[in-house]
Amino acid sequence: MEDCSFPPDSADGHSQRGSVASSATLSRAQDVLIYLCGDSAVHLTVEGLGSVSVQELGRSVREALHIPETAQDAFALWLSSPLLELQLKARHQPYKLCRQWQDLLYRFTEASEEDISQDEPCLQYRRNVFYPKSKELQIEDEGVLRLLYEEARGNILMGRYPCDPEHWTTLGALSLAIDEGTGLEAQQITTTIRGKKLSSFLPVHVAMGSGGLLSTLRGKSSRQTGLEQNLLDEYRKISTPAGTSPEPTQLLHQYLNTCHNLPYYGCAFFCGEIDKPVQGILQRTKRKTVNVGICLEGVYVMDVKEKHVLLGLHFNELSWDHSYPEEQGDSHILWLEFDGEEDGTPVNKLLKIYSKQAELMSGFIEFCVELRSASEGGAAAEMDGEVGAHQQPGGQDGNNKNGRGGRRGMLRRQSSVVCSRVHSLNTISYVDNGKEIKRLKPKRAASFFSRQTSVATYSAVQVTESLEQG
């Protein structure tokens, strides 16, 4: 995404994309579709498509959607496909990036040649990753709120935003009220839910269940009925204190505010794998597929299959770096370093995330850190306060200011899907006595303390004499 160089444009040479229009065609007005989250799109007629910039296209989309000036930074243009998602900069030229799409897929994905040859990106108008949640709370325009709602709802339903039952039930009921109104009777609600299917209101993995062949039809039916009843009960609670129906903007605000309780709301997502803890006599190491979410507040590693957080860290709680393959068959790696514990001993832990997108993730983290550093003051203080309040379930001590030389509270094991599960990670642990690194697990070449927030609030664990002798 940000601060990562793309391959050079191949406009003057042979293009790998067979659907690219000729220069003569590009000189004429062309129809362009900018897709929105949901089922709609903005139809634009663009002249000079080959050289038009994201900034120009964005202006046209904002005019078409009547986005108020106060919210113009809330959205950005993305180039997306099932294989890769990139938020574009104002200076980027989408047409030229489309011509480089296969090169980008080879560079940043593990997709097969066949999948790459068939993949086609589309332009999307989506939430800007760098737009603060505190500003989003101030938006009152219903059109803007609906765009944000549709994107958040899609991420909830596909399981990209893991959430607990109380969250998904509340969000499902709000979605039902937003789409159908708040005046439905019980039978109407049941008919609507069954007509649209539960997966229109609840995460797909929740609505479909995971019983497979072992689940009887009766059991599945009973479970569906229970979920429908929970939605109905929650739907009945949606009203103002006076008992009147809330305005659409109120419902949209409630939905987004509930999503703000999820620390990874608004993240950009990247694909990767991590090592599973070694099990069995043969001690073979297998890998687990993860999503890595990065936003202005921190980094979140999520289990794709289980739909829960494995590790969540604010930027002042980590150091990071990425490494390139050294030999044939090696992987690109994003390294995350954070405080931990090994048999009661305070240690530094390293998590390896294998991904061709490691370079993108590292650059993205660095850009977010720079933005936070540049915005220090009132806005940053307000954001930190908000994040601190929202992430208390993650096992962080809200009273720990984590100043220079201080040490944050240890991450605790939690039952909520939002909370870190450090115990389930296969990490490298070590201590640093200022002269050399003492490894408690497999060797690693160096510490990554050089890659951290410029404020330098993250500190290494200190080694006592007894540890040095161990």
Protein backbone atom coordinates (compact mmCIF):
# COMPACT_ATOMS: atom_id res chain seq x y z
CA MET A 1 0.00 0.00 0.00
CA GLU A 2 1.72 3.13 1.22
CA ASP A 3 5.45 3.76 0.77
CA CYS A 4 6.01 0.59 -1.26
CA SER A 5 7.25 0.95 -4.82
CA PHE A 6 5.25 -0.80 -7.52
CA PRO A 7 6.83 -2.37 -10.61
CA PRO A 8 7.63 0.08 -13.41
CA ASP A 9 4.84 0.81 -15.83
CA SER A 10 4.90 -1.39 -18.92
CA ALA A 11 2.89 1.01 -21.07
CA ASP A 12 5.68 1.35 -23.61
CA GLY A 13 6.29 -2.37 -23.93
CA HIS A 14 4.31 -5.56 -24.15
CA SER A 15 1.34 -5.61 -21.77
CA GLN A 16 0.38 -8.86 -20.05
CA ARG A 17 -3.26 -7.83 -19.96
CA GLY A 18 -5.27 -8.73 -23.05
CA SER A 19 -8.17 -6.43 -22.17
CA VAL A 20 -6.20 -3.18 -22.28
CA ALA A 21 -7.62 -0.63 -24.66
CA SER A 22 -5.55 0.97 -27.42
CA SER A 23 -4.17 4.50 -27.12
CA ALA A 24 -6.62 5.69 -29.76
CA THR A 25 -9.52 4.35 -27.74
CA LEU A 26 -8.15 5.91 -24.55
CA SER A 27 -8.15 9.37 -26.11
CA ARG A 28 -11.94 9.24 -26.36
CA ALA A 29 -14.42 9.41 -23.48
CA GLN A 30 -14.71 6.05 -21.71
CA ASP A 31 -17.31 4.63 -19.35
CA VAL A 32 -15.88 3.74 -15.94
CA LEU A 33 -17.58 1.94 -13.06
CA ILE A 34 -16.49 2.73 -9.50
CA TYR A 35 -17.93 0.05 -7.22
CA LEU A 36 -19.33 0.79 -3.78
CA CYS A 37 -19.55 -1.67 -0.88
CA GLY A 38 -22.86 -3.44 -1.37
CA ASP A 39 -24.48 -3.94 -4.74
CA SER A 40 -24.16 -0.50 -6.34
CA ALA A 41 -21.68 1.42 -8.45
CA VAL A 42 -21.00 4.93 -9.69
CA HIS A 43 -21.05 5.29 -13.48
CA LEU A 44 -18.61 7.92 -14.78
CA THR A 45 -17.64 9.05 -18.26
CA VAL A 46 -13.93 9.83 -18.28
CA GLU A 47 -11.77 11.44 -20.94
CA GLY A 48 -8.09 10.56 -21.13
CA LEU A 49 -8.55 7.41 -19.07
CA GLY A 50 -4.91 6.36 -19.59
CA SER A 51 -3.57 9.32 -17.60
CA VAL A 52 -6.39 10.20 -15.23
CA SER A 53 -5.29 10.23 -11.58
CA VAL A 54 -6.92 8.93 -8.43
CA GLN A 55 -7.32 12.51 -7.25
CA GLU A 56 -9.36 13.41 -10.35
CA LEU A 57 -11.48 10.25 -10.22
CA GLY A 58 -12.10 10.74 -6.51
CA ARG A 59 -13.37 14.26 -7.10
CA SER A 60 -15.82 12.99 -9.71
CA VAL A 61 -17.08 10.22 -7.40
CA ARG A 62 -17.59 12.66 -4.52
CA GLU A 63 -19.60 14.95 -6.79
CA ALA A 64 -21.73 12.06 -8.04
CA LEU A 65 -22.45 10.85 -4.50
CA HIS A 66 -22.84 14.39 -3.06
CA ILE A 67 -20.22 13.73 -0.39
CA PRO A 68 -19.98 16.87 1.80
CA GLU A 69 -16.63 18.60 1.99
CA THR A 70 -16.37 17.82 5.70
CA ALA A 71 -16.28 14.08 4.94
CA GLN A 72 -14.27 14.05 1.70
CA ASP A 73 -11.28 12.41 3.42
CA ALA A 74 -13.39 9.57 4.82
CA PHE A 75 -13.06 7.54 1.62
CA ALA A 76 -10.36 6.48 -0.82
CA LEU A 77 -10.14 4.63 -4.11
CA TRP A 78 -9.01 1.02 -3.90
CA LEU A 79 -7.89 -1.40 -6.58
CA SER A 80 -9.29 -4.75 -5.45
CA SER A 81 -9.72 -8.34 -6.50
CA PRO A 82 -10.09 -11.63 -4.61
CA LEU A 83 -6.28 -11.91 -4.67
CA LEU A 84 -5.11 -8.43 -3.65
CA GLU A 85 -6.41 -5.13 -2.25
CA LEU A 86 -4.53 -1.83 -2.54
CA GLN A 87 -5.57 1.59 -1.28
CA LEU A 88 -4.35 4.03 -3.91
CA LYS A 89 -2.59 7.35 -3.43
CA ALA A 90 -3.87 10.57 -4.98
CA ARG A 91 -1.05 10.57 -7.56
CA HIS A 92 -1.63 6.99 -8.76
CA GLN A 93 -3.08 6.39 -12.20
CA PRO A 94 -5.53 3.46 -11.97
CA TYR A 95 -5.32 2.50 -15.64
CA LYS A 96 -1.56 2.09 -15.48
CA LEU A 97 -1.80 0.06 -12.28
CA CYS A 98 -4.34 -2.20 -13.97
CA ARG A 99 -1.79 -2.87 -16.70
CA GLN A 100 0.70 -3.85 -13.98
CA TRP A 101 -1.81 -5.97 -12.07
CA GLN A 102 -0.32 -9.34 -12.96
CA ASP A 103 3.13 -8.11 -11.96
CA LEU A 104 1.70 -6.98 -8.62
CA LEU A 105 0.04 -10.36 -8.08
CA TYR A 106 3.28 -12.23 -8.81
CA ARG A 107 5.10 -9.95 -6.41
CA PHE A 108 2.65 -9.83 -3.52
CA THR A 109 0.62 -13.07 -3.64
CA GLU A 110 1.15 -16.83 -3.72
CA ALA A 111 -1.55 -17.28 -6.37
CA SER A 112 -1.05 -19.79 -9.18
CA GLU A 113 -0.31 -18.70 -12.73
CA GLU A 114 -3.79 -19.75 -13.78
CA ASP A 115 -5.47 -17.71 -11.02
CA ILE A 116 -3.30 -14.71 -11.80
CA SER A 117 -4.08 -14.88 -15.52
CA GLN A 118 -7.83 -14.87 -14.80
CA ASP A 119 -7.85 -12.24 -12.06
CA GLU A 120 -9.36 -8.84 -12.88
CA PRO A 121 -9.20 -5.89 -10.46
CA CYS A 122 -12.00 -3.39 -9.98
CA LEU A 123 -11.98 0.17 -8.66
CA GLN A 124 -13.76 0.54 -5.33
CA TYR A 125 -14.73 3.60 -3.30
CA ARG A 126 -14.15 2.53 0.30
CA ARG A 127 -13.27 3.81 3.73
CA ASN A 128 -9.88 5.49 3.98
CA VAL A 129 -7.71 3.47 6.38
CA PHE A 130 -6.10 6.67 7.63
CA TYR A 131 -9.39 8.37 8.55
CA PRO A 132 -9.61 8.58 12.38
CA LYS A 133 -12.58 6.97 14.10
CA SER A 134 -12.96 10.11 16.19
CA LYS A 135 -13.80 12.09 13.03
CA GLU A 136 -16.15 9.39 11.81
CA LEU A 137 -18.23 9.84 14.97
CA GLN A 138 -18.87 13.46 13.95
CA ILE A 139 -20.42 12.62 10.56
CA GLU A 140 -24.15 13.37 10.29
CA ASP A 141 -24.72 12.99 6.54
CA GLU A 142 -26.96 9.94 6.01
CA GLY A 143 -25.44 9.09 2.62
CA VAL A 144 -21.92 9.00 4.03
CA LEU A 145 -23.06 6.98 7.04
CA ARG A 146 -24.74 4.44 4.76
CA LEU A 147 -21.55 3.97 2.75
CA LEU A 148 -19.60 3.35 5.96
CA TYR A 149 -22.35 1.06 7.24
CA GLU A 150 -22.39 -1.09 4.09
CA GLU A 151 -18.64 -1.62 4.28
CA ALA A 152 -18.65 -2.41 8.00
CA ARG A 153 -21.61 -4.76 7.56
CA GLY A 154 -19.83 -6.64 4.77
CA ASN A 155 -16.75 -7.11 6.96
CA ILE A 156 -18.90 -8.37 9.84
CA LEU A 157 -20.83 -10.84 7.67
CA MET A 158 -17.75 -12.31 5.99
CA GLY A 159 -16.02 -12.72 9.36
CA ARG A 160 -13.26 -10.24 8.65
CA TYR A 161 -14.17 -8.42 11.86
CA PRO A 162 -14.32 -11.21 14.48
CA CYS A 163 -16.93 -10.46 17.13
CA ASP A 164 -18.61 -12.09 20.11
CA PRO A 165 -22.27 -13.25 20.16
CA GLU A 166 -23.48 -10.12 21.94
CA HIS A 167 -21.87 -7.99 19.22
CA TRP A 168 -23.10 -9.95 16.22
CA THR A 169 -26.65 -10.17 17.63
CA THR A 170 -26.79 -6.42 18.26
CA LEU A 171 -25.35 -5.65 14.83
CA GLY A 172 -27.73 -8.10 13.13
CA ALA A 173 -30.75 -6.51 14.82
CA LEU A 174 -29.56 -3.02 13.89
CA SER A 175 -29.02 -4.13 10.30
CA LEU A 176 -32.56 -5.53 10.24
CA ALA A 177 -33.92 -2.23 11.58
CA ILE A 178 -31.89 -0.16 9.09
CA ASP A 179 -32.97 -2.24 6.10
CA GLU A 180 -36.60 -2.98 7.06
CA GLY A 181 -37.57 -0.33 9.60
CA THR A 182 -38.35 -0.67 13.30
CA GLY A 183 -42.10 -1.29 13.16
CA LEU A 184 -42.19 -4.97 12.23
CA GLU A 185 -44.27 -7.44 14.21
CA ALA A 186 -42.78 -10.74 15.39
CA GLN A 187 -44.18 -12.77 12.49
CA GLN A 188 -43.02 -10.17 9.96
CA ILE A 189 -39.52 -10.26 11.43
CA THR A 190 -39.36 -14.06 11.22
CA THR A 191 -40.64 -14.01 7.63
CA THR A 192 -38.10 -11.33 6.67
CA ILE A 193 -35.18 -13.18 8.27
CA ARG A 194 -36.10 -16.46 6.60
CA GLY A 195 -36.73 -14.76 3.26
CA LYS A 196 -33.32 -13.06 3.24
CA LYS A 197 -31.56 -15.85 5.18
CA LEU A 198 -29.75 -15.47 8.48
CA SER A 199 -26.46 -14.87 6.64
CA SER A 200 -27.83 -11.46 5.61
CA PHE A 201 -27.77 -10.40 9.26
CA LEU A 202 -25.26 -12.63 11.04
CA PRO A 203 -21.69 -13.68 10.13
CA VAL A 204 -21.77 -16.51 7.59
CA HIS A 205 -19.85 -18.91 9.85
CA VAL A 206 -22.42 -18.30 12.59
CA ALA A 207 -25.50 -18.58 10.37
CA MET A 208 -24.28 -21.71 8.59
CA GLY A 209 -22.78 -23.45 11.61
CA SER A 210 -19.92 -25.92 11.52
CA GLY A 211 -21.56 -29.24 12.34
CA GLY A 212 -21.19 -30.71 8.86
CA LEU A 213 -22.17 -34.34 8.50
CA LEU A 214 -22.30 -34.78 12.25
CA SER A 215 -25.08 -32.22 12.57
CA THR A 216 -28.61 -33.56 12.26
CA LEU A 217 -31.34 -31.65 10.46
CA ARG A 218 -33.21 -31.32 13.74
CA GLY A 219 -30.17 -29.89 15.49
CA LYS A 220 -29.55 -27.41 12.70
CA SER A 221 -33.19 -26.35 12.68
CA SER A 222 -33.15 -25.83 16.44
CA ARG A 223 -29.99 -23.75 16.22
CA GLN A 224 -31.44 -21.58 13.45
CA THR A 225 -34.59 -21.03 15.50
CA GLY A 226 -32.48 -19.97 18.48
CA LEU A 227 -30.53 -17.45 16.39
CA GLU A 228 -33.75 -16.07 14.93
CA GLN A 229 -35.21 -15.67 18.42
CA ASN A 230 -32.09 -13.86 19.64
CA LEU A 231 -32.35 -11.48 16.69
CA LEU A 232 -36.03 -10.90 17.40
CA ASP A 233 -35.37 -10.16 21.09
CA GLU A 234 -32.60 -7.71 20.23
CA TYR A 235 -34.69 -6.07 17.51
CA ARG A 236 -37.45 -5.31 20.04
CA LYS A 237 -34.98 -3.34 22.16
CA ILE A 238 -34.25 -0.89 19.35
CA SER A 239 -36.22 2.22 20.20
CA THR A 240 -35.73 5.64 21.73
CA PRO A 241 -36.45 6.18 25.45
CA ALA A 242 -39.82 7.64 24.51
CA GLY A 243 -40.70 4.46 22.64
CA THR A 244 -40.73 6.07 19.19
CA SER A 245 -38.87 4.77 16.16
CA PRO A 246 -35.30 6.11 15.89
CA GLU A 247 -34.19 8.08 12.85
CA PRO A 248 -32.12 6.26 10.20
CA THR A 249 -29.03 8.30 11.12
CA GLN A 250 -29.41 7.20 14.75
CA LEU A 251 -29.47 3.54 13.73
CA LEU A 252 -26.48 4.00 11.43
CA HIS A 253 -24.56 5.71 14.23
CA GLN A 254 -25.45 2.88 16.62
CA TYR A 255 -24.18 0.30 14.13
CA LEU A 256 -20.89 2.11 13.51
CA ASN A 257 -20.38 2.90 17.20
CA THR A 258 -20.78 -0.81 18.00
CA CYS A 259 -18.20 -1.62 15.33
CA HIS A 260 -15.84 0.94 16.89
CA ASN A 261 -15.66 -1.36 19.94
CA LEU A 262 -13.78 -3.77 17.70
CA PRO A 263 -10.14 -2.56 17.78
CA TYR A 264 -9.51 -3.66 14.18
CA TYR A 265 -12.39 -1.64 12.71
CA GLY A 266 -11.14 0.23 9.64
CA CYS A 267 -8.01 -1.90 9.21
CA ALA A 268 -6.33 -2.70 5.92
CA PHE A 269 -5.99 -6.48 5.70
CA PHE A 270 -3.11 -8.59 4.47
CA CYS A 271 -2.71 -12.35 4.03
CA GLY A 272 -0.07 -14.44 5.75
CA GLU A 273 0.82 -17.59 7.65
CA ILE A 274 2.34 -18.28 11.05
CA ASP A 275 3.90 -21.41 12.56
CA LYS A 276 1.60 -23.59 14.62
CA PRO A 277 2.95 -24.72 18.00
CA VAL A 278 4.90 -27.96 17.58
CA GLN A 279 2.83 -31.02 18.46
CA GLY A 280 3.29 -34.76 18.27
CA ILE A 281 6.27 -37.09 18.44
CA LEU A 282 7.65 -36.09 15.03
CA GLN A 283 7.78 -32.42 16.07
CA ARG A 284 6.73 -31.29 12.63
CA THR A 285 5.89 -27.62 12.23
CA LYS A 286 2.78 -26.71 10.30
CA ARG A 287 1.44 -23.30 9.41
CA LYS A 288 -1.81 -21.50 10.10
CA THR A 289 -3.44 -18.99 7.73
CA VAL A 290 -3.94 -15.55 9.25
CA ASN A 291 -5.25 -12.13 8.35
CA VAL A 292 -3.09 -9.21 9.48
CA GLY A 293 -5.09 -6.05 10.10
CA ILE A 294 -3.22 -2.74 10.34
CA CYS A 295 -4.75 0.62 11.20
CA LEU A 296 -3.80 3.86 12.93
CA GLU A 297 -3.97 2.20 16.34
CA GLY A 298 -1.95 -0.96 15.86
CA VAL A 299 -1.51 -4.43 14.38
CA TYR A 300 -3.91 -7.37 14.75
CA VAL A 301 -3.15 -10.97 13.75
CA MET A 302 -6.35 -13.00 13.29
CA ASP A 303 -7.02 -16.70 12.79
CA VAL A 304 -8.84 -17.02 9.45
CA LYS A 305 -10.44 -20.37 10.32
CA GLU A 306 -11.40 -19.80 13.95
CA LYS A 307 -12.41 -16.13 13.49
CA HIS A 308 -10.63 -14.78 16.54
CA VAL A 309 -7.65 -12.57 17.40
CA LEU A 310 -4.32 -14.26 18.04
CA LEU A 311 -2.34 -11.11 18.79
CA GLY A 312 -3.26 -7.44 19.07
CA LEU A 313 -0.63 -4.78 19.71
CA HIS A 314 -0.59 -1.00 19.81
CA PHE A 315 2.37 0.54 18.01
CA ASN A 316 4.05 1.51 21.31
CA GLU A 317 3.98 -2.17 22.31
CA LEU A 318 5.98 -3.56 19.42
CA SER A 319 9.00 -3.35 17.19
CA TRP A 320 8.94 -4.73 13.69
CA ASP A 321 10.95 -5.47 10.57
CA HIS A 322 10.67 -7.52 7.41
CA SER A 323 13.18 -9.78 5.71
CA TYR A 324 13.55 -10.99 2.15
CA PRO A 325 14.17 -14.61 1.14
CA GLU A 326 17.85 -15.49 1.39
CA GLU A 327 17.68 -18.78 -0.48
CA GLN A 328 15.39 -20.50 -2.97
CA GLY A 329 12.26 -21.63 -1.19
CA ASP A 330 12.58 -19.14 1.70
CA SER A 331 9.70 -16.82 2.52
CA HIS A 332 9.27 -13.10 2.93
CA ILE A 333 8.77 -12.52 6.66
CA LEU A 334 7.26 -9.76 8.77
CA TRP A 335 8.74 -9.90 12.28
CA LEU A 336 6.75 -8.58 15.24
CA GLU A 337 8.56 -8.18 18.56
CA PHE A 338 6.71 -7.70 21.85
CA ASP A 339 6.93 -8.36 25.59
CA GLY A 340 6.17 -11.82 26.84
CA GLU A 341 6.95 -14.42 29.46
CA GLU A 342 8.73 -17.79 29.35
CA ASP A 343 8.38 -20.03 32.41
CA GLY A 344 7.90 -16.98 34.63
CA THR A 345 10.80 -15.11 33.03
CA PRO A 346 10.11 -11.76 31.30
CA VAL A 347 11.31 -12.09 27.72
CA ASN A 348 11.02 -10.47 24.33
CA LYS A 349 9.01 -12.51 21.85
CA LEU A 350 9.32 -12.63 18.08
CA LEU A 351 6.41 -13.69 15.88
CA LYS A 352 7.21 -14.66 12.30
CA ILE A 353 4.51 -13.91 9.72
CA TYR A 354 5.28 -15.53 6.39
CA SER A 355 3.86 -13.46 3.55
CA LYS A 356 4.78 -12.04 0.19
CA GLN A 357 3.03 -8.92 1.49
CA ALA A 358 5.57 -8.48 4.32
CA GLU A 359 7.12 -5.50 2.56
CA LEU A 360 3.69 -3.88 2.16
CA MET A 361 2.85 -4.51 5.81
CA SER A 362 6.15 -3.11 7.06
CA GLY A 363 5.79 0.03 4.98
CA PHE A 364 2.18 0.40 6.07
CA ILE A 365 3.10 0.14 9.76
CA GLU A 366 5.83 2.73 9.29
CA PHE A 367 3.43 5.11 7.55
CA CYS A 368 0.83 4.74 10.34
CA VAL A 369 3.50 5.38 12.99
CA GLU A 370 4.62 8.52 11.17
CA LEU A 371 1.04 9.76 10.92
CA ARG A 372 0.49 9.27 14.62
CA SER A 373 3.75 10.99 15.44
CA ALA A 374 2.91 13.94 13.17
CA SER A 375 -0.56 14.33 14.65
CA GLU A 376 0.61 14.30 18.26
CA GLY A 377 -1.29 16.75 20.37
CA GLY A 378 -5.01 17.13 20.79
CA ALA A 379 -6.15 14.75 18.04
CA ALA A 380 -3.65 12.04 18.94
CA ALA A 381 -4.44 12.32 22.64
CA GLU A 382 -8.14 11.99 21.90
CA MET A 383 -7.52 8.93 19.72
CA ASP A 384 -5.32 7.29 22.35
CA GLY A 385 -7.98 7.79 24.99
CA GLU A 386 -10.61 6.25 22.75
CA VAL A 387 -8.44 3.27 21.84
CA GLY A 388 -7.45 2.69 25.44
CA ALA A 389 -11.09 2.52 26.46
CA HIS A 390 -12.07 0.22 23.61
CA GLN A 391 -9.24 -2.22 24.07
CA GLN A 392 -9.56 -2.91 27.79
CA PRO A 393 -10.93 -6.41 26.99
CA GLY A 394 -7.59 -7.16 25.30
CA GLY A 395 -5.95 -7.58 28.66
CA GLN A 396 -4.16 -4.21 28.67
CA ASP A 397 -3.85 -2.18 31.84
CA GLY A 398 -5.68 1.07 31.20
CA ASN A 399 -3.77 2.79 34.05
CA ASN A 400 -0.37 1.98 32.57
CA LYS A 401 0.74 5.00 30.54
CA ASN A 402 3.70 3.03 29.20
CA GLY A 403 6.12 5.91 29.42
CA ARG A 404 9.80 5.74 28.53
CA GLY A 405 11.49 3.02 30.54
CA GLY A 406 8.16 1.64 31.73
CA ARG A 407 6.76 -1.79 31.04
CA ARG A 408 3.21 -2.54 29.92
CA GLY A 409 1.06 -5.20 31.55
CA MET A 410 1.34 -8.70 30.15
CA LEU A 411 -1.20 -9.84 27.59
CA ARG A 412 -3.66 -12.17 29.32
CA ARG A 413 -5.54 -15.17 28.03
CA GLN A 414 -9.16 -14.21 27.36
CA SER A 415 -12.32 -15.94 26.18
CA SER A 416 -13.47 -13.07 23.93
CA VAL A 417 -12.63 -13.38 20.24
CA VAL A 418 -11.36 -9.78 20.39
CA CYS A 419 -8.60 -10.62 22.85
CA SER A 420 -5.08 -11.89 22.22
CA ARG A 421 -4.20 -15.57 22.50
CA VAL A 422 -0.45 -15.36 23.00
CA HIS A 423 -0.45 -18.84 24.54
CA SER A 424 -1.42 -20.32 21.16
CA LEU A 425 1.43 -18.67 19.22
CA ASN A 426 4.68 -20.33 18.23
CA THR A 427 7.20 -17.56 18.95
CA ILE A 428 10.93 -17.11 19.45
CA SER A 429 11.79 -15.83 22.94
CA TYR A 430 14.98 -14.09 24.10
CA VAL A 431 16.35 -11.57 26.60
CA ASP A 432 18.70 -8.67 25.87
CA ASN A 433 21.30 -7.59 28.44
CA GLY A 434 22.50 -4.62 26.40
CA LYS A 435 25.54 -6.42 25.03
CA GLU A 436 24.24 -9.52 23.41
CA ILE A 437 21.01 -11.38 22.93
CA LYS A 438 20.47 -14.46 25.04
CA ARG A 439 18.17 -16.83 23.17
CA LEU A 440 15.72 -18.95 25.06
CA LYS A 441 14.54 -20.58 21.84
CA PRO A 442 15.87 -20.98 18.26
CA LYS A 443 18.44 -18.44 17.11
CA ARG A 444 17.65 -15.21 15.30
CA ALA A 445 20.27 -12.92 13.79
CA ALA A 446 19.41 -9.62 15.49
CA SER A 447 16.98 -7.55 17.50
CA PHE A 448 14.58 -5.28 15.69
CA PHE A 449 14.50 -2.42 18.17
CA SER A 450 15.46 0.01 15.40
CA ARG A 451 11.94 -0.34 13.90
CA GLN A 452 9.56 1.15 16.43
CA THR A 453 7.64 4.30 17.22
CA SER A 454 9.74 7.45 17.12
CA VAL A 455 8.60 8.24 20.67
CA ALA A 456 10.45 5.08 21.75
CA THR A 457 7.92 4.13 24.43
CA TYR A 458 8.55 0.42 23.85
CA SER A 459 11.37 -0.92 26.03
CA ALA A 460 13.25 -4.20 26.11
CA VAL A 461 12.97 -6.43 29.15
CA GLN A 462 15.84 -6.09 31.59
CA VAL A 463 17.99 -9.12 32.41
CA THR A 464 18.85 -9.86 36.02
CA GLU A 465 22.03 -11.66 37.07
CA SER A 466 20.09 -14.86 37.69
CA LEU A 467 18.76 -14.76 34.14
CA GLU A 468 22.20 -14.23 32.67
CA GLN A 469 23.46 -17.29 34.48
CA GLY A 470 20.51 -19.39 33.22
